Amino acid sequence: MIVAERGYPMTVSKTDCFGEAMRDGRLTEPSNEKVYRLREAILYSRQLGRPLTEEEMCTFETKAD
């Protein structure tokens, strides 16, 4: 006895062509050239017991090369 499954037509989901809409392949916005010392910022945030403000985060900012 031959058993065959009923075939359903293939549909293209939105995830199949996700990256094709990107002009240069990036999935994020272009960098603003800011680099942060994140390890130090995270440790300081844990000491404070709260998220850092933007002013506090600026103290952990370094210039990109």
PDB file of N, CA and C in Angstrom:
ATOM      1  N   MET A   1       0.844  -1.170   0.000  1.00  0.00           N
ATOM      2  CA  MET A   1       0.000   0.000   0.000  1.00  0.00           C
ATOM      3  C   MET A   1       0.893   1.238   0.000  1.00  0.00           C
ATOM      4  N   ILE A   2       0.578   2.192  -0.842  1.00  0.00           N
ATOM      5  CA  ILE A   2       1.337   3.430  -0.957  1.00  0.00           C
ATOM      6  C   ILE A   2       0.593   4.516  -0.187  1.00  0.00           C
ATOM      7  N   VAL A   3       1.335   5.170   0.681  1.00  0.00           N
ATOM      8  CA  VAL A   3       0.749   6.262   1.469  1.00  0.00           C
ATOM      9  C   VAL A   3       1.374   7.562   0.990  1.00  0.00           C
ATOM     10  N   ALA A   4       0.550   8.486   0.606  1.00  0.00           N
ATOM     11  CA  ALA A   4       1.050   9.785   0.130  1.00  0.00           C
ATOM     12  C   ALA A   4       0.402  10.884   0.949  1.00  0.00           C
ATOM     13  N   GLU A   5       1.205  11.881   1.274  1.00  0.00           N
ATOM     14  CA  GLU A   5       0.656  13.020   2.006  1.00  0.00           C
ATOM     15  C   GLU A   5       0.126  14.035   1.021  1.00  0.00           C
ATOM     16  N   ARG A   6      -0.871  14.734   1.444  1.00  0.00           N
ATOM     17  CA  ARG A   6      -1.427  15.782   0.608  1.00  0.00           C
ATOM     18  C   ARG A   6      -0.467  16.973   0.665  1.00  0.00           C
ATOM     19  N   GLY A   7      -0.036  17.427  -0.457  1.00  0.00           N
ATOM     20  CA  GLY A   7       0.887  18.561  -0.516  1.00  0.00           C
ATOM     21  C   GLY A   7       0.160  19.888  -0.443  1.00  0.00           C
ATOM     22  N   TYR A   8       0.692  20.768   0.333  1.00  0.00           N
ATOM     23  CA  TYR A   8       0.126  22.113   0.433  1.00  0.00           C
ATOM     24  C   TYR A   8       1.019  23.072  -0.340  1.00  0.00           C
ATOM     25  N   PRO A   9       0.448  24.049  -0.987  1.00  0.00           N
ATOM     26  CA  PRO A   9       1.278  24.985  -1.744  1.00  0.00           C
ATOM     27  C   PRO A   9       2.226  25.744  -0.816  1.00  0.00           C
ATOM     28  N   MET A  10       3.426  25.962  -1.291  1.00  0.00           N
ATOM     29  CA  MET A  10       4.434  26.670  -0.502  1.00  0.00           C
ATOM     30  C   MET A  10       4.090  28.154  -0.434  1.00  0.00           C
ATOM     31  N   THR A  11       4.161  28.708   0.734  1.00  0.00           N
ATOM     32  CA  THR A  11       3.946  30.141   0.895  1.00  0.00           C
ATOM     33  C   THR A  11       5.229  30.754   1.438  1.00  0.00           C
ATOM     34  N   VAL A  12       5.520  31.943   1.000  1.00  0.00           N
ATOM     35  CA  VAL A  12       6.716  32.650   1.453  1.00  0.00           C
ATOM     36  C   VAL A  12       6.323  33.496   2.654  1.00  0.00           C
ATOM     37  N   SER A  13       6.961  33.228   3.760  1.00  0.00           N
ATOM     38  CA  SER A  13       6.665  34.024   4.946  1.00  0.00           C
ATOM     39  C   SER A  13       7.526  35.284   4.945  1.00  0.00           C
ATOM     40  N   LYS A  14       7.203  36.204   5.822  1.00  0.00           N
ATOM     41  CA  LYS A  14       7.952  37.463   5.891  1.00  0.00           C
ATOM     42  C   LYS A  14       9.393  37.234   6.335  1.00  0.00           C
ATOM     43  N   THR A  15       9.643  36.160   7.070  1.00  0.00           N
ATOM     44  CA  THR A  15      11.001  35.913   7.550  1.00  0.00           C
ATOM     45  C   THR A  15      11.901  35.315   6.481  1.00  0.00           C
ATOM     46  N   ASP A  16      11.337  34.773   5.424  1.00  0.00           N
ATOM     47  CA  ASP A  16      12.156  34.177   4.372  1.00  0.00           C
ATOM     48  C   ASP A  16      12.976  35.212   3.613  1.00  0.00           C
ATOM     49  N   CYS A  17      12.481  36.427   3.511  1.00  0.00           N
ATOM     50  CA  CYS A  17      13.201  37.468   2.774  1.00  0.00           C
ATOM     51  C   CYS A  17      13.483  38.677   3.671  1.00  0.00           C
ATOM     52  N   PHE A  18      13.762  38.387   4.951  1.00  0.00           N
ATOM     53  CA  PHE A  18      13.950  39.447   5.947  1.00  0.00           C
ATOM     54  C   PHE A  18      15.093  40.400   5.592  1.00  0.00           C
ATOM     55  N   GLY A  19      16.258  39.871   5.258  1.00  0.00           N
ATOM     56  CA  GLY A  19      17.419  40.712   5.001  1.00  0.00           C
ATOM     57  C   GLY A  19      17.442  41.364   3.632  1.00  0.00           C
ATOM     58  N   GLU A  20      16.596  40.942   2.730  1.00  0.00           N
ATOM     59  CA  GLU A  20      16.629  41.476   1.374  1.00  0.00           C
ATOM     60  C   GLU A  20      16.169  42.924   1.300  1.00  0.00           C
ATOM     61  N   ALA A  21      15.386  43.381   2.272  1.00  0.00           N
ATOM     62  CA  ALA A  21      14.912  44.760   2.272  1.00  0.00           C
ATOM     63  C   ALA A  21      15.969  45.731   2.787  1.00  0.00           C
ATOM     64  N   MET A  22      17.038  45.218   3.394  1.00  0.00           N
ATOM     65  CA  MET A  22      18.100  46.069   3.926  1.00  0.00           C
ATOM     66  C   MET A  22      19.046  46.456   2.790  1.00  0.00           C
ATOM     67  N   ARG A  23      19.346  47.728   2.681  1.00  0.00           N
ATOM     68  CA  ARG A  23      20.200  48.180   1.576  1.00  0.00           C
ATOM     69  C   ARG A  23      21.607  47.614   1.668  1.00  0.00           C
ATOM     70  N   ASP A  24      22.191  47.640   2.881  1.00  0.00           N
ATOM     71  CA  ASP A  24      23.575  47.206   3.010  1.00  0.00           C
ATOM     72  C   ASP A  24      23.729  45.995   3.921  1.00  0.00           C
ATOM     73  N   GLY A  25      22.643  45.315   4.226  1.00  0.00           N
ATOM     74  CA  GLY A  25      22.720  44.109   5.026  1.00  0.00           C
ATOM     75  C   GLY A  25      22.711  44.336   6.524  1.00  0.00           C
ATOM     76  N   ARG A  26      22.699  45.588   6.970  1.00  0.00           N
ATOM     77  CA  ARG A  26      22.693  45.858   8.403  1.00  0.00           C
ATOM     78  C   ARG A  26      21.323  45.607   8.995  1.00  0.00           C
ATOM     79  N   LEU A  27      21.302  45.097  10.195  1.00  0.00           N
ATOM     80  CA  LEU A  27      20.048  44.879  10.892  1.00  0.00           C
ATOM     81  C   LEU A  27      19.827  45.928  11.983  1.00  0.00           C
ATOM     82  N   THR A  28      20.784  46.842  12.149  1.00  0.00           N
ATOM     83  CA  THR A  28      20.662  47.904  13.142  1.00  0.00           C
ATOM     84  C   THR A  28      20.953  49.237  12.485  1.00  0.00           C
ATOM     85  N   GLU A  29      20.720  50.301  13.208  1.00  0.00           N
ATOM     86  CA  GLU A  29      21.031  51.641  12.719  1.00  0.00           C
ATOM     87  C   GLU A  29      22.548  51.830  12.644  1.00  0.00           C
ATOM     88  N   PRO A  30      23.040  52.720  11.801  1.00  0.00           N
ATOM     89  CA  PRO A  30      24.475  52.991  11.760  1.00  0.00           C
ATOM     90  C   PRO A  30      24.970  53.512  13.106  1.00  0.00           C
ATOM     91  N   SER A  31      26.209  53.224  13.403  1.00  0.00           N
ATOM     92  CA  SER A  31      26.812  53.627  14.672  1.00  0.00           C
ATOM     93  C   SER A  31      26.943  55.137  14.754  1.00  0.00           C
ATOM     94  N   ASN A  32      26.860  55.674  15.964  1.00  0.00           N
ATOM     95  CA  ASN A  32      27.061  57.105  16.180  1.00  0.00           C
ATOM     96  C   ASN A  32      28.488  57.388  16.636  1.00  0.00           C
ATOM     97  N   GLU A  33      29.387  56.417  16.443  1.00  0.00           N
ATOM     98  CA  GLU A  33      30.805  56.523  16.766  1.00  0.00           C
ATOM     99  C   GLU A  33      31.089  56.608  18.257  1.00  0.00           C
ATOM    100  N   LYS A  34      30.115  56.322  19.111  1.00  0.00           N
ATOM    101  CA  LYS A  34      30.349  56.311  20.546  1.00  0.00           C
ATOM    102  C   LYS A  34      30.660  54.890  20.991  1.00  0.00           C
ATOM    103  N   VAL A  35      31.641  54.783  21.879  1.00  0.00           N
ATOM    104  CA  VAL A  35      32.020  53.500  22.446  1.00  0.00           C
ATOM    105  C   VAL A  35      31.966  53.654  23.955  1.00  0.00           C
ATOM    106  N   TYR A  36      31.396  52.664  24.619  1.00  0.00           N
ATOM    107  CA  TYR A  36      31.242  52.725  26.066  1.00  0.00           C
ATOM    108  C   TYR A  36      32.022  51.599  26.731  1.00  0.00           C
ATOM    109  N   ARG A  37      32.530  51.884  27.922  1.00  0.00           N
ATOM    110  CA  ARG A  37      33.158  50.859  28.754  1.00  0.00           C
ATOM    111  C   ARG A  37      32.019  50.177  29.519  1.00  0.00           C
ATOM    112  N   LEU A  38      31.359  49.235  28.845  1.00  0.00           N
ATOM    113  CA  LEU A  38      30.129  48.646  29.365  1.00  0.00           C
ATOM    114  C   LEU A  38      30.337  47.824  30.627  1.00  0.00           C
ATOM    115  N   ARG A  39      31.434  47.116  30.724  1.00  0.00           N
ATOM    116  CA  ARG A  39      31.674  46.296  31.915  1.00  0.00           C
ATOM    117  C   ARG A  39      31.701  47.177  33.161  1.00  0.00           C
ATOM    118  N   GLU A  40      32.410  48.305  33.081  1.00  0.00           N
ATOM    119  CA  GLU A  40      32.474  49.231  34.217  1.00  0.00           C
ATOM    120  C   GLU A  40      31.107  49.845  34.505  1.00  0.00           C
ATOM    121  N   ALA A  41      30.376  50.193  33.457  1.00  0.00           N
ATOM    122  CA  ALA A  41      29.048  50.796  33.627  1.00  0.00           C
ATOM    123  C   ALA A  41      28.080  49.814  34.279  1.00  0.00           C
ATOM    124  N   ILE A  42      28.146  48.557  33.888  1.00  0.00           N
ATOM    125  CA  ILE A  42      27.267  47.536  34.466  1.00  0.00           C
ATOM    126  C   ILE A  42      27.588  47.328  35.935  1.00  0.00           C
ATOM    127  N   LEU A  43      28.866  47.262  36.262  1.00  0.00           N
ATOM    128  CA  LEU A  43      29.255  47.093  37.667  1.00  0.00           C
ATOM    129  C   LEU A  43      28.796  48.278  38.506  1.00  0.00           C
ATOM    130  N   TYR A  44      28.953  49.482  37.987  1.00  0.00           N
ATOM    131  CA  TYR A  44      28.514  50.681  38.709  1.00  0.00           C
ATOM    132  C   TYR A  44      26.994  50.679  38.878  1.00  0.00           C
ATOM    133  N   SER A  45      26.278  50.269  37.855  1.00  0.00           N
ATOM    134  CA  SER A  45      24.824  50.197  37.924  1.00  0.00           C
ATOM    135  C   SER A  45      24.382  49.192  38.990  1.00  0.00           C
ATOM    136  N   ARG A  46      25.080  48.078  39.093  1.00  0.00           N
ATOM    137  CA  ARG A  46      24.749  47.080  40.117  1.00  0.00           C
ATOM    138  C   ARG A  46      25.022  47.629  41.515  1.00  0.00           C
ATOM    139  N   GLN A  47      26.102  48.401  41.666  1.00  0.00           N
ATOM    140  CA  GLN A  47      26.395  48.999  42.973  1.00  0.00           C
ATOM    141  C   GLN A  47      25.296  49.962  43.389  1.00  0.00           C
ATOM    142  N   LEU A  48      24.806  50.735  42.422  1.00  0.00           N
ATOM    143  CA  LEU A  48      23.752  51.698  42.718  1.00  0.00           C
ATOM    144  C   LEU A  48      22.394  51.019  42.902  1.00  0.00           C
ATOM    145  N   GLY A  49      22.201  49.889  42.257  1.00  0.00           N
ATOM    146  CA  GLY A  49      20.939  49.180  42.340  1.00  0.00           C
ATOM    147  C   GLY A  49      19.856  49.758  41.440  1.00  0.00           C
ATOM    148  N   ARG A  50      20.273  50.468  40.401  1.00  0.00           N
ATOM    149  CA  ARG A  50      19.319  51.072  39.473  1.00  0.00           C
ATOM    150  C   ARG A  50      20.008  51.294  38.131  1.00  0.00           C
ATOM    151  N   PRO A  51      19.234  51.545  37.073  1.00  0.00           N
ATOM    152  CA  PRO A  51      19.855  51.871  35.773  1.00  0.00           C
ATOM    153  C   PRO A  51      20.552  53.232  35.845  1.00  0.00           C
ATOM    154  N   LEU A  52      21.547  53.413  35.008  1.00  0.00           N
ATOM    155  CA  LEU A  52      22.280  54.672  34.973  1.00  0.00           C
ATOM    156  C   LEU A  52      21.516  55.723  34.178  1.00  0.00           C
ATOM    157  N   THR A  53      21.686  56.974  34.572  1.00  0.00           N
ATOM    158  CA  THR A  53      21.112  58.080  33.807  1.00  0.00           C
ATOM    159  C   THR A  53      22.010  58.353  32.608  1.00  0.00           C
ATOM    160  N   GLU A  54      21.541  59.166  31.690  1.00  0.00           N
ATOM    161  CA  GLU A  54      22.360  59.493  30.515  1.00  0.00           C
ATOM    162  C   GLU A  54      23.621  60.239  30.919  1.00  0.00           C
ATOM    163  N   GLU A  55      23.528  61.108  31.917  1.00  0.00           N
ATOM    164  CA  GLU A  55      24.707  61.850  32.384  1.00  0.00           C
ATOM    165  C   GLU A  55      25.734  60.894  32.989  1.00  0.00           C
ATOM    166  N   GLU A  56      25.268  59.917  33.765  1.00  0.00           N
ATOM    167  CA  GLU A  56      26.184  58.939  34.350  1.00  0.00           C
ATOM    168  C   GLU A  56      26.798  58.070  33.259  1.00  0.00           C
ATOM    169  N   MET A  57      26.025  57.737  32.251  1.00  0.00           N
ATOM    170  CA  MET A  57      26.539  56.906  31.166  1.00  0.00           C
ATOM    171  C   MET A  57      27.613  57.632  30.371  1.00  0.00           C
ATOM    172  N   CYS A  58      27.514  58.957  30.289  1.00  0.00           N
ATOM    173  CA  CYS A  58      28.519  59.744  29.564  1.00  0.00           C
ATOM    174  C   CYS A  58      29.900  59.630  30.199  1.00  0.00           C
ATOM    175  N   THR A  59      29.968  59.351  31.497  1.00  0.00           N
ATOM    176  CA  THR A  59      31.264  59.201  32.147  1.00  0.00           C
ATOM    177  C   THR A  59      31.980  57.943  31.701  1.00  0.00           C
ATOM    178  N   PHE A  60      31.257  56.981  31.114  1.00  0.00           N
ATOM    179  CA  PHE A  60      31.842  55.726  30.641  1.00  0.00           C
ATOM    180  C   PHE A  60      32.057  55.736  29.133  1.00  0.00           C
ATOM    181  N   GLU A  61      31.894  56.878  28.501  1.00  0.00           N
ATOM    182  CA  GLU A  61      32.024  56.999  27.059  1.00  0.00           C
ATOM    183  C   GLU A  61      33.489  57.213  26.676  1.00  0.00           C
ATOM    184  N   THR A  62      33.926  56.547  25.637  1.00  0.00           N
ATOM    185  CA  THR A  62      35.284  56.756  25.098  1.00  0.00           C
ATOM    186  C   THR A  62      35.153  57.071  23.615  1.00  0.00           C
ATOM    187  N   LYS A  63      36.161  57.620  23.053  1.00  0.00           N
ATOM    188  CA  LYS A  63      36.157  57.974  21.642  1.00  0.00           C
ATOM    189  C   LYS A  63      36.530  56.767  20.792  1.00  0.00           C
ATOM    190  N   ALA A  64      35.802  56.536  19.726  1.00  0.00           N
ATOM    191  CA  ALA A  64      36.101  55.432  18.814  1.00  0.00           C
ATOM    192  C   ALA A  64      37.350  55.764  18.017  1.00  0.00           C
ATOM    193  N   ASP A  65      38.114  54.727  17.702  1.00  0.00           N
ATOM    194  CA  ASP A  65      39.347  54.945  16.903  1.00  0.00           C
ATOM    195  C   ASP A  65      39.035  55.154  15.459  1.00  0.00           C
TER     196      ASP A  65
END
